[in-house]
Amino acid sequence: MNKAWLFVFAAGLFEIGWVVGLKHANNWWSWGLTVIAIYACMHLLLTASKRLPVGTTYVVFTGMGTAGTVLAEMVLFGEPFEMVKILLILVLLIGVIGLKAVTVDQGGD
């Protein structure tokens, strides 16, 4: 895995953080962390998209963020566990992994 894909992965983690933060922030420091997560997420995504195809980068990023946010809500905040959600996340992840597997990076490193 090259550095650009690590940036996409990190951006996806920050996306999960800011999306959850938008829903659950209730004081100045949790809103501050949410804003920091938004900035870090976008900065990492833009940096990665300079070396990787934008379409594939965005699909991997949003897929990871979507799956991670749903799982975080279930694990951390008591969202009801539904098998259909897990199956749909698996379908999403199969597509994301497939796109990443067939994508050639544009800048090396």
N, C-alpha and C. Protein backbone atom coordinates (compact mmCIF):
# COMPACT_ATOMS: atom_id res chain seq x y z
N MET A 1 0.85 -1.17 0.00
CA MET A 1 0.00 0.00 0.00
C MET A 1 0.90 1.24 0.00
N ASN A 2 0.64 2.17 -0.89
CA ASN A 2 1.47 3.37 -0.93
C ASN A 2 0.90 4.47 -0.04
N LYS A 3 1.64 5.55 0.09
CA LYS A 3 1.27 6.63 1.00
C LYS A 3 -0.06 7.28 0.62
N ALA A 4 -0.35 7.41 -0.65
CA ALA A 4 -1.61 8.03 -1.07
C ALA A 4 -2.81 7.23 -0.57
N TRP A 5 -2.74 5.90 -0.63
CA TRP A 5 -3.85 5.08 -0.12
C TRP A 5 -3.94 5.17 1.40
N LEU A 6 -2.82 5.33 2.07
CA LEU A 6 -2.86 5.54 3.52
C LEU A 6 -3.58 6.85 3.85
N PHE A 7 -3.36 7.88 3.01
CA PHE A 7 -4.06 9.15 3.20
C PHE A 7 -5.57 8.98 3.01
N VAL A 8 -5.97 8.18 2.03
CA VAL A 8 -7.40 7.92 1.81
C VAL A 8 -7.98 7.20 3.03
N PHE A 9 -7.26 6.20 3.53
CA PHE A 9 -7.71 5.47 4.71
C PHE A 9 -7.86 6.40 5.91
N ALA A 10 -6.85 7.23 6.14
CA ALA A 10 -6.92 8.18 7.26
C ALA A 10 -8.06 9.18 7.07
N ALA A 11 -8.26 9.65 5.84
CA ALA A 11 -9.36 10.57 5.55
C ALA A 11 -10.70 9.90 5.87
N GLY A 12 -10.83 8.62 5.54
CA GLY A 12 -12.05 7.88 5.86
C GLY A 12 -12.30 7.80 7.35
N LEU A 13 -11.23 7.60 8.13
CA LEU A 13 -11.38 7.56 9.58
C LEU A 13 -11.83 8.92 10.12
N PHE A 14 -11.22 9.99 9.60
CA PHE A 14 -11.64 11.33 10.03
C PHE A 14 -13.07 11.62 9.59
N GLU A 15 -13.48 11.08 8.43
CA GLU A 15 -14.86 11.28 7.99
C GLU A 15 -15.84 10.65 8.98
N ILE A 16 -15.52 9.45 9.41
CA ILE A 16 -16.37 8.79 10.40
C ILE A 16 -16.47 9.68 11.65
N GLY A 17 -15.33 10.22 12.06
CA GLY A 17 -15.30 11.08 13.24
C GLY A 17 -16.15 12.32 13.10
N TRP A 18 -16.06 13.00 11.95
CA TRP A 18 -16.83 14.24 11.85
C TRP A 18 -18.32 13.99 11.61
N VAL A 19 -18.65 12.92 10.93
CA VAL A 19 -20.08 12.62 10.73
C VAL A 19 -20.73 12.27 12.07
N VAL A 20 -20.06 11.43 12.86
CA VAL A 20 -20.56 11.11 14.18
C VAL A 20 -20.58 12.37 15.05
N GLY A 21 -19.55 13.21 14.91
CA GLY A 21 -19.50 14.46 15.66
C GLY A 21 -20.65 15.40 15.34
N LEU A 22 -21.05 15.47 14.08
CA LEU A 22 -22.17 16.34 13.72
C LEU A 22 -23.45 15.93 14.45
N LYS A 23 -23.61 14.64 14.65
CA LYS A 23 -24.82 14.16 15.31
C LYS A 23 -24.73 14.28 16.83
N HIS A 24 -23.55 14.02 17.39
CA HIS A 24 -23.46 13.87 18.84
C HIS A 24 -22.74 15.01 19.56
N ALA A 25 -22.17 15.97 18.85
CA ALA A 25 -21.47 17.07 19.52
C ALA A 25 -22.47 17.91 20.31
N ASN A 26 -22.09 18.23 21.55
CA ASN A 26 -23.01 18.99 22.38
C ASN A 26 -22.32 20.04 23.26
N ASN A 27 -21.05 20.26 23.03
CA ASN A 27 -20.34 21.31 23.77
C ASN A 27 -19.20 21.85 22.89
N TRP A 28 -18.51 22.88 23.38
CA TRP A 28 -17.53 23.56 22.53
C TRP A 28 -16.38 22.66 22.12
N TRP A 29 -15.91 21.77 23.02
CA TRP A 29 -14.75 20.94 22.65
C TRP A 29 -15.13 19.83 21.68
N SER A 30 -16.34 19.26 21.80
CA SER A 30 -16.73 18.23 20.83
C SER A 30 -17.00 18.86 19.46
N TRP A 31 -17.52 20.10 19.44
CA TRP A 31 -17.67 20.80 18.16
C TRP A 31 -16.29 21.15 17.59
N GLY A 32 -15.35 21.51 18.45
CA GLY A 32 -13.98 21.80 18.00
C GLY A 32 -13.33 20.58 17.37
N LEU A 33 -13.49 19.42 18.00
CA LEU A 33 -12.95 18.18 17.43
C LEU A 33 -13.61 17.84 16.10
N THR A 34 -14.90 18.13 15.99
CA THR A 34 -15.61 17.87 14.74
C THR A 34 -15.05 18.75 13.62
N VAL A 35 -14.80 20.01 13.90
CA VAL A 35 -14.24 20.92 12.89
C VAL A 35 -12.84 20.48 12.50
N ILE A 36 -12.03 20.08 13.47
CA ILE A 36 -10.67 19.58 13.17
C ILE A 36 -10.75 18.33 12.30
N ALA A 37 -11.68 17.44 12.60
CA ALA A 37 -11.84 16.22 11.81
C ALA A 37 -12.27 16.54 10.37
N ILE A 38 -13.14 17.53 10.19
CA ILE A 38 -13.55 17.94 8.84
C ILE A 38 -12.34 18.44 8.07
N TYR A 39 -11.55 19.31 8.69
CA TYR A 39 -10.36 19.85 8.01
C TYR A 39 -9.37 18.73 7.67
N ALA A 40 -9.06 17.88 8.63
CA ALA A 40 -8.09 16.80 8.39
C ALA A 40 -8.58 15.86 7.30
N CYS A 41 -9.86 15.55 7.33
CA CYS A 41 -10.46 14.67 6.33
C CYS A 41 -10.29 15.23 4.92
N MET A 42 -10.68 16.46 4.74
CA MET A 42 -10.62 17.07 3.41
C MET A 42 -9.17 17.27 2.94
N HIS A 43 -8.29 17.66 3.86
CA HIS A 43 -6.89 17.85 3.50
C HIS A 43 -6.27 16.53 3.04
N LEU A 44 -6.49 15.46 3.78
CA LEU A 44 -5.95 14.16 3.41
C LEU A 44 -6.54 13.66 2.09
N LEU A 45 -7.84 13.86 1.90
CA LEU A 45 -8.48 13.42 0.67
C LEU A 45 -7.94 14.18 -0.54
N LEU A 46 -7.78 15.49 -0.41
CA LEU A 46 -7.22 16.28 -1.52
C LEU A 46 -5.78 15.89 -1.82
N THR A 47 -5.01 15.65 -0.79
CA THR A 47 -3.61 15.23 -0.99
C THR A 47 -3.55 13.89 -1.72
N ALA A 48 -4.38 12.94 -1.31
CA ALA A 48 -4.38 11.63 -1.95
C ALA A 48 -4.86 11.71 -3.40
N SER A 49 -5.84 12.57 -3.67
CA SER A 49 -6.41 12.63 -5.02
C SER A 49 -5.45 13.26 -6.03
N LYS A 50 -4.36 13.83 -5.57
CA LYS A 50 -3.34 14.33 -6.50
C LYS A 50 -2.55 13.20 -7.12
N ARG A 51 -2.53 12.04 -6.46
CA ARG A 51 -1.74 10.90 -6.94
C ARG A 51 -2.59 9.73 -7.40
N LEU A 52 -3.85 9.72 -7.05
CA LEU A 52 -4.74 8.61 -7.40
C LEU A 52 -5.89 9.13 -8.25
N PRO A 53 -6.51 8.26 -9.03
CA PRO A 53 -7.68 8.68 -9.80
C PRO A 53 -8.78 9.20 -8.86
N VAL A 54 -9.31 10.35 -9.16
CA VAL A 54 -10.26 11.01 -8.27
C VAL A 54 -11.50 10.17 -8.05
N GLY A 55 -12.03 9.58 -9.10
CA GLY A 55 -13.25 8.79 -8.96
C GLY A 55 -13.07 7.62 -8.01
N THR A 56 -12.00 6.87 -8.19
CA THR A 56 -11.75 5.72 -7.33
C THR A 56 -11.45 6.16 -5.91
N THR A 57 -10.67 7.23 -5.78
CA THR A 57 -10.35 7.76 -4.45
C THR A 57 -11.63 8.12 -3.71
N TYR A 58 -12.53 8.81 -4.39
CA TYR A 58 -13.77 9.25 -3.75
C TYR A 58 -14.66 8.07 -3.38
N VAL A 59 -14.74 7.07 -4.25
CA VAL A 59 -15.57 5.90 -3.96
C VAL A 59 -15.03 5.15 -2.73
N VAL A 60 -13.73 4.96 -2.67
CA VAL A 60 -13.14 4.27 -1.53
C VAL A 60 -13.39 5.08 -0.25
N PHE A 61 -13.17 6.37 -0.34
CA PHE A 61 -13.35 7.28 0.80
C PHE A 61 -14.80 7.25 1.31
N THR A 62 -15.76 7.42 0.42
CA THR A 62 -17.16 7.45 0.85
C THR A 62 -17.65 6.08 1.30
N GLY A 63 -17.17 5.03 0.64
CA GLY A 63 -17.55 3.68 1.06
C GLY A 63 -17.06 3.38 2.46
N MET A 64 -15.82 3.73 2.72
CA MET A 64 -15.26 3.52 4.03
C MET A 64 -15.99 4.37 5.08
N GLY A 65 -16.25 5.61 4.74
CA GLY A 65 -16.96 6.49 5.66
C GLY A 65 -18.37 6.01 5.96
N THR A 66 -19.08 5.56 4.93
CA THR A 66 -20.44 5.07 5.11
C THR A 66 -20.47 3.83 5.99
N ALA A 67 -19.65 2.85 5.63
CA ALA A 67 -19.61 1.61 6.41
C ALA A 67 -19.16 1.89 7.85
N GLY A 68 -18.12 2.69 8.00
CA GLY A 68 -17.61 2.99 9.33
C GLY A 68 -18.60 3.74 10.19
N THR A 69 -19.33 4.68 9.59
CA THR A 69 -20.31 5.44 10.36
C THR A 69 -21.45 4.56 10.83
N VAL A 70 -21.95 3.70 9.96
CA VAL A 70 -23.03 2.78 10.36
C VAL A 70 -22.55 1.86 11.48
N LEU A 71 -21.35 1.31 11.32
CA LEU A 71 -20.82 0.41 12.36
C LEU A 71 -20.56 1.15 13.67
N ALA A 72 -20.03 2.36 13.59
CA ALA A 72 -19.78 3.15 14.80
C ALA A 72 -21.07 3.46 15.54
N GLU A 73 -22.11 3.80 14.80
CA GLU A 73 -23.40 4.08 15.42
C GLU A 73 -23.95 2.83 16.13
N MET A 74 -23.77 1.67 15.52
CA MET A 74 -24.25 0.43 16.15
C MET A 74 -23.42 0.08 17.38
N VAL A 75 -22.10 0.17 17.27
CA VAL A 75 -21.22 -0.25 18.36
C VAL A 75 -21.18 0.77 19.50
N LEU A 76 -21.05 2.04 19.16
CA LEU A 76 -20.83 3.05 20.18
C LEU A 76 -22.10 3.72 20.71
N PHE A 77 -23.14 3.77 19.90
CA PHE A 77 -24.30 4.56 20.27
C PHE A 77 -25.62 3.79 20.29
N GLY A 78 -25.55 2.47 20.25
CA GLY A 78 -26.74 1.65 20.43
C GLY A 78 -27.74 1.63 19.29
N GLU A 79 -27.30 2.02 18.10
CA GLU A 79 -28.18 1.90 16.93
C GLU A 79 -28.54 0.42 16.78
N PRO A 80 -29.80 0.11 16.46
CA PRO A 80 -30.18 -1.30 16.35
C PRO A 80 -29.35 -2.07 15.32
N PHE A 81 -28.90 -3.25 15.71
CA PHE A 81 -28.16 -4.13 14.82
C PHE A 81 -29.15 -4.85 13.93
N GLU A 82 -28.96 -4.71 12.62
CA GLU A 82 -29.82 -5.40 11.67
C GLU A 82 -28.92 -6.13 10.67
N MET A 83 -29.21 -7.39 10.46
CA MET A 83 -28.40 -8.20 9.56
C MET A 83 -28.39 -7.63 8.14
N VAL A 84 -29.50 -7.05 7.70
CA VAL A 84 -29.56 -6.49 6.36
C VAL A 84 -28.56 -5.33 6.21
N LYS A 85 -28.37 -4.55 7.28
CA LYS A 85 -27.36 -3.48 7.23
C LYS A 85 -25.97 -4.05 7.03
N ILE A 86 -25.66 -5.11 7.75
CA ILE A 86 -24.34 -5.74 7.64
C ILE A 86 -24.14 -6.30 6.23
N LEU A 87 -25.16 -6.95 5.69
CA LEU A 87 -25.05 -7.50 4.34
C LEU A 87 -24.85 -6.39 3.30
N LEU A 88 -25.56 -5.29 3.44
CA LEU A 88 -25.40 -4.19 2.50
C LEU A 88 -24.02 -3.53 2.63
N ILE A 89 -23.52 -3.43 3.85
CA ILE A 89 -22.16 -2.90 4.04
C ILE A 89 -21.15 -3.83 3.38
N LEU A 90 -21.34 -5.13 3.50
CA LEU A 90 -20.43 -6.09 2.86
C LEU A 90 -20.45 -5.94 1.34
N VAL A 91 -21.63 -5.76 0.76
CA VAL A 91 -21.73 -5.54 -0.69
C VAL A 91 -20.98 -4.26 -1.08
N LEU A 92 -21.18 -3.21 -0.30
CA LEU A 92 -20.48 -1.95 -0.55
C LEU A 92 -18.97 -2.14 -0.47
N LEU A 93 -18.51 -2.82 0.55
CA LEU A 93 -17.07 -3.02 0.73
C LEU A 93 -16.47 -3.89 -0.37
N ILE A 94 -17.21 -4.88 -0.85
CA ILE A 94 -16.72 -5.70 -1.96
C ILE A 94 -16.49 -4.82 -3.19
N GLY A 95 -17.42 -3.92 -3.46
CA GLY A 95 -17.25 -3.00 -4.60
C GLY A 95 -16.07 -2.07 -4.42
N VAL A 96 -15.92 -1.54 -3.21
CA VAL A 96 -14.81 -0.62 -2.93
C VAL A 96 -13.47 -1.33 -3.05
N ILE A 97 -13.37 -2.52 -2.48
CA ILE A 97 -12.12 -3.28 -2.56
C ILE A 97 -11.83 -3.65 -4.01
N GLY A 98 -12.86 -4.02 -4.76
CA GLY A 98 -12.67 -4.33 -6.17
C GLY A 98 -12.14 -3.15 -6.96
N LEU A 99 -12.70 -1.96 -6.73
CA LEU A 99 -12.23 -0.76 -7.43
C LEU A 99 -10.78 -0.45 -7.07
N LYS A 100 -10.45 -0.57 -5.80
CA LYS A 100 -9.08 -0.30 -5.39
C LYS A 100 -8.12 -1.30 -6.02
N ALA A 101 -8.55 -2.55 -6.11
CA ALA A 101 -7.69 -3.60 -6.65
C ALA A 101 -7.38 -3.40 -8.13
N VAL A 102 -8.28 -2.80 -8.88
CA VAL A 102 -8.06 -2.63 -10.32
C VAL A 102 -7.54 -1.25 -10.68
N THR A 103 -7.29 -0.40 -9.68
CA THR A 103 -6.84 0.97 -9.94
C THR A 103 -5.33 1.07 -9.84
N VAL A 104 -4.73 1.71 -10.82
CA VAL A 104 -3.30 1.95 -10.83
C VAL A 104 -3.07 3.37 -10.36
N ASP A 105 -2.15 3.57 -9.40
CA ASP A 105 -1.89 4.93 -8.93
C ASP A 105 -1.13 5.71 -10.01
N GLN A 106 -1.24 7.04 -9.94
CA GLN A 106 -0.68 7.89 -10.98
C GLN A 106 0.65 8.54 -10.63
N GLY A 107 1.04 8.43 -9.35
CA GLY A 107 2.23 9.17 -8.98
C GLY A 107 3.29 8.37 -8.26
N GLY A 108 3.11 7.06 -8.12
CA GLY A 108 4.09 6.31 -7.37
C GLY A 108 4.06 6.67 -5.91
N ASP A 109 5.18 6.45 -5.21
CA ASP A 109 5.35 6.81 -3.81
C ASP A 109 4.41 6.04 -2.95
